[in-house]
Amino acid sequence: MSEGELTSFAGQFGLLGYLTPKSDGRRVIDDLARDLFYLSLASGDEPGPLWSFGEVRLRLLIEPVQQRAEIRQIRYSEIEASHPFRVFKKIASDRFDRFFTPKGVSRIGAFALPFYFDEEAEVRLLVKKFDDEDTTEVNISGQDRYICVPLNKEHDRVKIKLLEVQCSDPTAHSEVAQIVASMADLGVQLTEFTEYQR
């Protein structure tokens, strides 16, 4: 995860321990982000600005099976003083002289974005690599780290079943059809989708 969500989340809630550089110059939040991998999806029938990326618009209808992953809608909001996290943090500090940090804070932060992204209506499928003994293979391409999840096949963390490919560009339909035909074993449908145009 490299979009800065965790850094923003930690800063908004004053989780300074996660942002302070260690002796090796890295922050705790950087190590947490390295172990989080996600797939961004649009919810419902309104892809919004996500539909404007790329020359050929393809919409993939999938059925995710979570297994050892999480899928949630992104929460878009400004972090106000009345937010439960801030309230619990203040109670822990004022009454018990303790610092409150909820379990799974990195995964919580992975589903939080500022309100000005709310047009995306994003749903995020999140996979966390927990430790060195986790057998999930991490691949590297330049500065990016990613994991491969085969479509319509078993996987120890998450299964993604591709149901249908919808193409919005009639001029690209035949080329897309060839690609879909090459995956005949997946049993995927190809349909036209013309409601959203540039």
C-alpha atoms as a PDB file:
ATOM      1  CA  MET A   1       0.000   0.000   0.000  1.00  0.00           C
ATOM      2  CA  SER A   2       1.728   3.159  -1.224  1.00  0.00           C
ATOM      3  CA  GLU A   3      -0.973   5.828  -1.531  1.00  0.00           C
ATOM      4  CA  GLY A   4      -0.248   7.384   1.871  1.00  0.00           C
ATOM      5  CA  GLU A   5      -3.525   6.332   3.508  1.00  0.00           C
ATOM      6  CA  LEU A   6      -1.843   5.019   6.645  1.00  0.00           C
ATOM      7  CA  THR A   7       0.376   8.077   7.059  1.00  0.00           C
ATOM      8  CA  SER A   8      -2.675  10.342   6.720  1.00  0.00           C
ATOM      9  CA  PHE A   9      -4.697   8.195   9.145  1.00  0.00           C
ATOM     10  CA  ALA A  10      -1.917   8.129  11.751  1.00  0.00           C
ATOM     11  CA  GLY A  11      -1.431  11.890  11.467  1.00  0.00           C
ATOM     12  CA  GLN A  12      -5.136  12.661  11.846  1.00  0.00           C
ATOM     13  CA  PHE A  13      -5.375  10.592  15.013  1.00  0.00           C
ATOM     14  CA  GLY A  14      -2.032  11.666  16.479  1.00  0.00           C
ATOM     15  CA  LEU A  15      -0.446   8.201  16.324  1.00  0.00           C
ATOM     16  CA  LEU A  16       2.989   9.762  16.463  1.00  0.00           C
ATOM     17  CA  GLY A  17       4.764   6.537  17.422  1.00  0.00           C
ATOM     18  CA  TYR A  18       3.899   5.135  14.011  1.00  0.00           C
ATOM     19  CA  LEU A  19       5.320   8.207  12.259  1.00  0.00           C
ATOM     20  CA  THR A  20       8.584   8.623  14.195  1.00  0.00           C
ATOM     21  CA  PRO A  21      11.654   7.298  12.316  1.00  0.00           C
ATOM     22  CA  LYS A  22      13.449   4.344  13.935  1.00  0.00           C
ATOM     23  CA  SER A  23      17.224   3.921  14.148  1.00  0.00           C
ATOM     24  CA  ASP A  24      17.286   2.592  10.573  1.00  0.00           C
ATOM     25  CA  GLY A  25      15.393   5.660   9.334  1.00  0.00           C
ATOM     26  CA  ARG A  26      12.192   3.760   8.595  1.00  0.00           C
ATOM     27  CA  ARG A  27       8.891   4.441  10.310  1.00  0.00           C
ATOM     28  CA  VAL A  28       6.652   1.767  11.800  1.00  0.00           C
ATOM     29  CA  ILE A  29       3.899   2.913   9.440  1.00  0.00           C
ATOM     30  CA  ASP A  30       6.158   2.185   6.439  1.00  0.00           C
ATOM     31  CA  ASP A  31       6.637  -1.419   7.544  1.00  0.00           C
ATOM     32  CA  LEU A  32       2.891  -1.828   8.085  1.00  0.00           C
ATOM     33  CA  ALA A  33       2.141  -0.428   4.630  1.00  0.00           C
ATOM     34  CA  ARG A  34       4.571  -2.878   2.997  1.00  0.00           C
ATOM     35  CA  ASP A  35       2.457  -5.792   4.245  1.00  0.00           C
ATOM     36  CA  LEU A  36      -0.897  -4.524   2.931  1.00  0.00           C
ATOM     37  CA  PHE A  37      -2.127  -5.279  -0.591  1.00  0.00           C
ATOM     38  CA  TYR A  38      -5.466  -4.221  -2.021  1.00  0.00           C
ATOM     39  CA  LEU A  39      -7.711  -4.326  -5.062  1.00  0.00           C
ATOM     40  CA  SER A  40      -9.823  -1.202  -5.657  1.00  0.00           C
ATOM     41  CA  LEU A  41     -13.378  -1.804  -6.843  1.00  0.00           C
ATOM     42  CA  ALA A  42     -16.292   0.519  -7.638  1.00  0.00           C
ATOM     43  CA  SER A  43     -19.530  -0.221  -5.832  1.00  0.00           C
ATOM     44  CA  GLY A  44     -22.928  -0.367  -7.501  1.00  0.00           C
ATOM     45  CA  ASP A  45     -23.711   0.890 -10.993  1.00  0.00           C
ATOM     46  CA  GLU A  46     -22.071   4.331 -10.710  1.00  0.00           C
ATOM     47  CA  PRO A  47     -18.324   4.049 -11.387  1.00  0.00           C
ATOM     48  CA  GLY A  48     -17.979   7.859 -11.251  1.00  0.00           C
ATOM     49  CA  PRO A  49     -14.488   9.229 -12.005  1.00  0.00           C
ATOM     50  CA  LEU A  50     -12.988   5.720 -11.983  1.00  0.00           C
ATOM     51  CA  TRP A  51     -14.575   5.248 -15.422  1.00  0.00           C
ATOM     52  CA  SER A  52     -12.319   7.979 -16.885  1.00  0.00           C
ATOM     53  CA  PHE A  53      -9.062   6.015 -16.618  1.00  0.00           C
ATOM     54  CA  GLY A  54      -7.565   4.400 -19.726  1.00  0.00           C
ATOM     55  CA  GLU A  55      -8.458   4.431 -23.398  1.00  0.00           C
ATOM     56  CA  VAL A  56     -10.693   1.331 -23.373  1.00  0.00           C
ATOM     57  CA  ARG A  57     -13.268   1.053 -20.615  1.00  0.00           C
ATOM     58  CA  LEU A  58     -13.691  -2.448 -19.284  1.00  0.00           C
ATOM     59  CA  ARG A  59     -15.893  -3.266 -16.349  1.00  0.00           C
ATOM     60  CA  LEU A  60     -15.205  -6.563 -14.603  1.00  0.00           C
ATOM     61  CA  LEU A  61     -17.964  -8.167 -12.573  1.00  0.00           C
ATOM     62  CA  ILE A  62     -16.377 -10.276  -9.872  1.00  0.00           C
ATOM     63  CA  GLU A  63     -17.429 -12.285  -6.879  1.00  0.00           C
ATOM     64  CA  PRO A  64     -14.763 -12.112  -4.165  1.00  0.00           C
ATOM     65  CA  VAL A  65     -14.545 -14.885  -1.575  1.00  0.00           C
ATOM     66  CA  GLN A  66     -12.805 -13.345   1.400  1.00  0.00           C
ATOM     67  CA  GLN A  67     -11.340 -16.353   3.206  1.00  0.00           C
ATOM     68  CA  ARG A  68      -8.412 -14.678   5.017  1.00  0.00           C
ATOM     69  CA  ALA A  69      -8.929 -11.248   3.434  1.00  0.00           C
ATOM     70  CA  GLU A  70     -11.266  -8.332   4.129  1.00  0.00           C
ATOM     71  CA  ILE A  71     -13.629  -6.427   1.868  1.00  0.00           C
ATOM     72  CA  ARG A  72     -15.217  -3.144   2.968  1.00  0.00           C
ATOM     73  CA  GLN A  73     -16.461   0.132   1.607  1.00  0.00           C
ATOM     74  CA  ILE A  74     -14.022   2.991   2.015  1.00  0.00           C
ATOM     75  CA  ARG A  75     -15.040   5.426   4.744  1.00  0.00           C
ATOM     76  CA  TYR A  76     -14.792   9.021   3.497  1.00  0.00           C
ATOM     77  CA  SER A  77     -14.791  11.651   6.236  1.00  0.00           C
ATOM     78  CA  GLU A  78     -12.950  14.366   8.025  1.00  0.00           C
ATOM     79  CA  ILE A  79     -11.734  13.231  11.442  1.00  0.00           C
ATOM     80  CA  GLU A  80     -13.732  15.317  13.915  1.00  0.00           C
ATOM     81  CA  ALA A  81     -13.249  15.673  17.666  1.00  0.00           C
ATOM     82  CA  SER A  82     -16.365  13.562  18.266  1.00  0.00           C
ATOM     83  CA  HIS A  83     -14.970  10.565  16.348  1.00  0.00           C
ATOM     84  CA  PRO A  84     -15.089   7.477  18.647  1.00  0.00           C
ATOM     85  CA  PHE A  85     -11.363   6.883  18.247  1.00  0.00           C
ATOM     86  CA  ARG A  86     -10.584  10.397  19.503  1.00  0.00           C
ATOM     87  CA  VAL A  87     -13.046  10.003  22.390  1.00  0.00           C
ATOM     88  CA  PHE A  88     -11.527   6.691  23.533  1.00  0.00           C
ATOM     89  CA  LYS A  89      -8.039   8.109  23.154  1.00  0.00           C
ATOM     90  CA  LYS A  90      -8.916  11.084  25.380  1.00  0.00           C
ATOM     91  CA  ILE A  91     -10.550   8.866  28.040  1.00  0.00           C
ATOM     92  CA  ALA A  92      -7.514   6.557  28.110  1.00  0.00           C
ATOM     93  CA  SER A  93      -5.184   9.527  28.513  1.00  0.00           C
ATOM     94  CA  ASP A  94      -7.219  11.602  31.001  1.00  0.00           C
ATOM     95  CA  ARG A  95      -8.506   8.833  33.263  1.00  0.00           C
ATOM     96  CA  PHE A  96      -5.879   6.124  33.045  1.00  0.00           C
ATOM     97  CA  ASP A  97      -2.733   7.882  31.800  1.00  0.00           C
ATOM     98  CA  ARG A  98      -2.610   5.332  28.990  1.00  0.00           C
ATOM     99  CA  PHE A  99      -2.323   5.600  25.227  1.00  0.00           C
ATOM    100  CA  PHE A 100      -5.212   3.995  23.332  1.00  0.00           C
ATOM    101  CA  THR A 101      -4.383   2.202  20.082  1.00  0.00           C
ATOM    102  CA  PRO A 102      -7.006  -0.199  18.687  1.00  0.00           C
ATOM    103  CA  LYS A 103      -6.043  -3.652  17.486  1.00  0.00           C
ATOM    104  CA  GLY A 104      -5.583  -3.859  13.726  1.00  0.00           C
ATOM    105  CA  VAL A 105      -4.925  -0.135  13.342  1.00  0.00           C
ATOM    106  CA  SER A 106      -3.149  -0.614  10.007  1.00  0.00           C
ATOM    107  CA  ARG A 107      -6.165  -2.386   8.519  1.00  0.00           C
ATOM    108  CA  ILE A 108      -8.519   0.280   9.880  1.00  0.00           C
ATOM    109  CA  GLY A 109      -6.431   3.001   8.234  1.00  0.00           C
ATOM    110  CA  ALA A 110      -6.419   1.125   4.930  1.00  0.00           C
ATOM    111  CA  PHE A 111     -10.175   1.740   4.606  1.00  0.00           C
ATOM    112  CA  ALA A 112     -10.157   5.476   5.453  1.00  0.00           C
ATOM    113  CA  LEU A 113      -9.803   8.325   2.965  1.00  0.00           C
ATOM    114  CA  PRO A 114     -10.559  12.075   3.124  1.00  0.00           C
ATOM    115  CA  PHE A 115     -14.069  13.101   2.050  1.00  0.00           C
ATOM    116  CA  TYR A 116     -12.909  14.736  -1.217  1.00  0.00           C
ATOM    117  CA  PHE A 117     -12.394  11.223  -2.687  1.00  0.00           C
ATOM    118  CA  ASP A 118     -15.995  10.193  -1.951  1.00  0.00           C
ATOM    119  CA  GLU A 119     -17.129  10.365  -5.610  1.00  0.00           C
ATOM    120  CA  GLU A 120     -15.140   7.189  -6.232  1.00  0.00           C
ATOM    121  CA  ALA A 121     -17.470   5.111  -3.998  1.00  0.00           C
ATOM    122  CA  GLU A 122     -14.598   2.654  -3.643  1.00  0.00           C
ATOM    123  CA  VAL A 123     -14.821  -0.819  -2.189  1.00  0.00           C
ATOM    124  CA  ARG A 124     -11.457  -2.242  -1.215  1.00  0.00           C
ATOM    125  CA  LEU A 125     -10.430  -5.891  -1.036  1.00  0.00           C
ATOM    126  CA  LEU A 126      -7.534  -6.054   1.417  1.00  0.00           C
ATOM    127  CA  VAL A 127      -4.963  -8.788   1.983  1.00  0.00           C
ATOM    128  CA  LYS A 128      -2.465  -8.452   4.831  1.00  0.00           C
ATOM    129  CA  LYS A 129       0.801 -10.392   4.933  1.00  0.00           C
ATOM    130  CA  PHE A 130       1.226 -10.994   8.638  1.00  0.00           C
ATOM    131  CA  ASP A 131       4.835 -12.152   9.131  1.00  0.00           C
ATOM    132  CA  ASP A 132       7.840 -13.811   7.528  1.00  0.00           C
ATOM    133  CA  GLU A 133       6.202 -17.221   7.933  1.00  0.00           C
ATOM    134  CA  ASP A 134       3.248 -16.156   5.780  1.00  0.00           C
ATOM    135  CA  THR A 135       3.618 -18.059   2.496  1.00  0.00           C
ATOM    136  CA  THR A 136       1.981 -15.314   0.391  1.00  0.00           C
ATOM    137  CA  GLU A 137       4.478 -14.572  -2.386  1.00  0.00           C
ATOM    138  CA  VAL A 138       5.296 -10.893  -2.876  1.00  0.00           C
ATOM    139  CA  ASN A 139       6.455  -9.730  -6.317  1.00  0.00           C
ATOM    140  CA  ILE A 140       8.342  -6.520  -7.042  1.00  0.00           C
ATOM    141  CA  SER A 141       8.169  -4.318 -10.143  1.00  0.00           C
ATOM    142  CA  GLY A 142      10.209  -1.127  -9.820  1.00  0.00           C
ATOM    143  CA  GLN A 143       8.947   0.612  -6.683  1.00  0.00           C
ATOM    144  CA  ASP A 144       5.750  -1.441  -6.549  1.00  0.00           C
ATOM    145  CA  ARG A 145       5.095  -4.592  -4.528  1.00  0.00           C
ATOM    146  CA  TYR A 146       2.196  -6.854  -5.420  1.00  0.00           C
ATOM    147  CA  ILE A 147       0.763 -10.320  -4.956  1.00  0.00           C
ATOM    148  CA  CYS A 148      -0.759 -12.481  -7.682  1.00  0.00           C
ATOM    149  CA  VAL A 149      -4.208 -13.962  -7.174  1.00  0.00           C
ATOM    150  CA  PRO A 150      -5.268 -16.313 -10.005  1.00  0.00           C
ATOM    151  CA  LEU A 151      -8.824 -15.793 -11.236  1.00  0.00           C
ATOM    152  CA  ASN A 152     -11.405 -18.515 -10.595  1.00  0.00           C
ATOM    153  CA  LYS A 153      -8.883 -20.694  -8.763  1.00  0.00           C
ATOM    154  CA  GLU A 154      -8.268 -21.576  -5.163  1.00  0.00           C
ATOM    155  CA  HIS A 155      -5.881 -19.355  -3.203  1.00  0.00           C
ATOM    156  CA  ASP A 156      -4.933 -19.569   0.458  1.00  0.00           C
ATOM    157  CA  ARG A 157      -5.829 -15.918   1.147  1.00  0.00           C
ATOM    158  CA  VAL A 158      -8.579 -14.833  -1.233  1.00  0.00           C
ATOM    159  CA  LYS A 159     -10.473 -16.186  -4.238  1.00  0.00           C
ATOM    160  CA  ILE A 160     -11.634 -13.867  -7.015  1.00  0.00           C
ATOM    161  CA  LYS A 161     -14.260 -15.275  -9.363  1.00  0.00           C
ATOM    162  CA  LEU A 162     -14.539 -13.333 -12.626  1.00  0.00           C
ATOM    163  CA  LEU A 163     -18.137 -13.526 -13.849  1.00  0.00           C
ATOM    164  CA  GLU A 164     -18.344 -11.085 -16.745  1.00  0.00           C
ATOM    165  CA  VAL A 165     -16.329  -8.569 -18.771  1.00  0.00           C
ATOM    166  CA  GLN A 166     -18.216  -5.525 -20.057  1.00  0.00           C
ATOM    167  CA  CYS A 167     -16.648  -3.419 -22.808  1.00  0.00           C
ATOM    168  CA  SER A 168     -17.732   0.186 -23.453  1.00  0.00           C
ATOM    169  CA  ASP A 169     -15.797   0.737 -26.701  1.00  0.00           C
ATOM    170  CA  PRO A 170     -17.341  -0.958 -29.786  1.00  0.00           C
ATOM    171  CA  THR A 171     -14.077  -0.543 -31.728  1.00  0.00           C
ATOM    172  CA  ALA A 172     -12.230  -2.602 -29.119  1.00  0.00           C
ATOM    173  CA  HIS A 173     -14.905  -5.266 -28.717  1.00  0.00           C
ATOM    174  CA  SER A 174     -13.362  -7.805 -31.125  1.00  0.00           C
ATOM    175  CA  GLU A 175      -9.921  -7.500 -29.534  1.00  0.00           C
ATOM    176  CA  VAL A 176     -11.375  -7.874 -26.054  1.00  0.00           C
ATOM    177  CA  ALA A 177     -13.401 -10.859 -27.299  1.00  0.00           C
ATOM    178  CA  GLN A 178     -10.177 -12.576 -28.373  1.00  0.00           C
ATOM    179  CA  ILE A 179      -8.688 -12.049 -24.920  1.00  0.00           C
ATOM    180  CA  VAL A 180     -11.798 -13.419 -23.220  1.00  0.00           C
ATOM    181  CA  ALA A 181     -11.843 -16.383 -25.643  1.00  0.00           C
ATOM    182  CA  SER A 182      -8.273 -17.221 -24.626  1.00  0.00           C
ATOM    183  CA  MET A 183      -9.584 -17.705 -21.083  1.00  0.00           C
ATOM    184  CA  ALA A 184     -12.303 -20.155 -22.111  1.00  0.00           C
ATOM    185  CA  ASP A 185     -11.650 -22.314 -19.051  1.00  0.00           C
ATOM    186  CA  LEU A 186     -12.911 -19.458 -16.850  1.00  0.00           C
ATOM    187  CA  GLY A 187     -16.363 -19.442 -18.465  1.00  0.00           C
ATOM    188  CA  VAL A 188     -16.503 -15.622 -18.577  1.00  0.00           C
ATOM    189  CA  GLN A 189     -19.177 -13.687 -20.506  1.00  0.00           C
ATOM    190  CA  LEU A 190     -18.364 -10.633 -22.657  1.00  0.00           C
ATOM    191  CA  THR A 191     -21.061  -7.976 -23.003  1.00  0.00           C
ATOM    192  CA  GLU A 192     -21.242  -4.384 -24.232  1.00  0.00           C
ATOM    193  CA  PHE A 193     -21.585  -1.555 -21.759  1.00  0.00           C
ATOM    194  CA  THR A 194     -22.379   1.835 -23.287  1.00  0.00           C
ATOM    195  CA  GLU A 195     -23.955   3.887 -20.508  1.00  0.00           C
ATOM    196  CA  TYR A 196     -20.722   5.634 -19.491  1.00  0.00           C
ATOM    197  CA  GLN A 197     -18.827   7.327 -22.274  1.00  0.00           C
ATOM    198  CA  ARG A 198     -16.041   9.890 -22.258  1.00  0.00           C
END
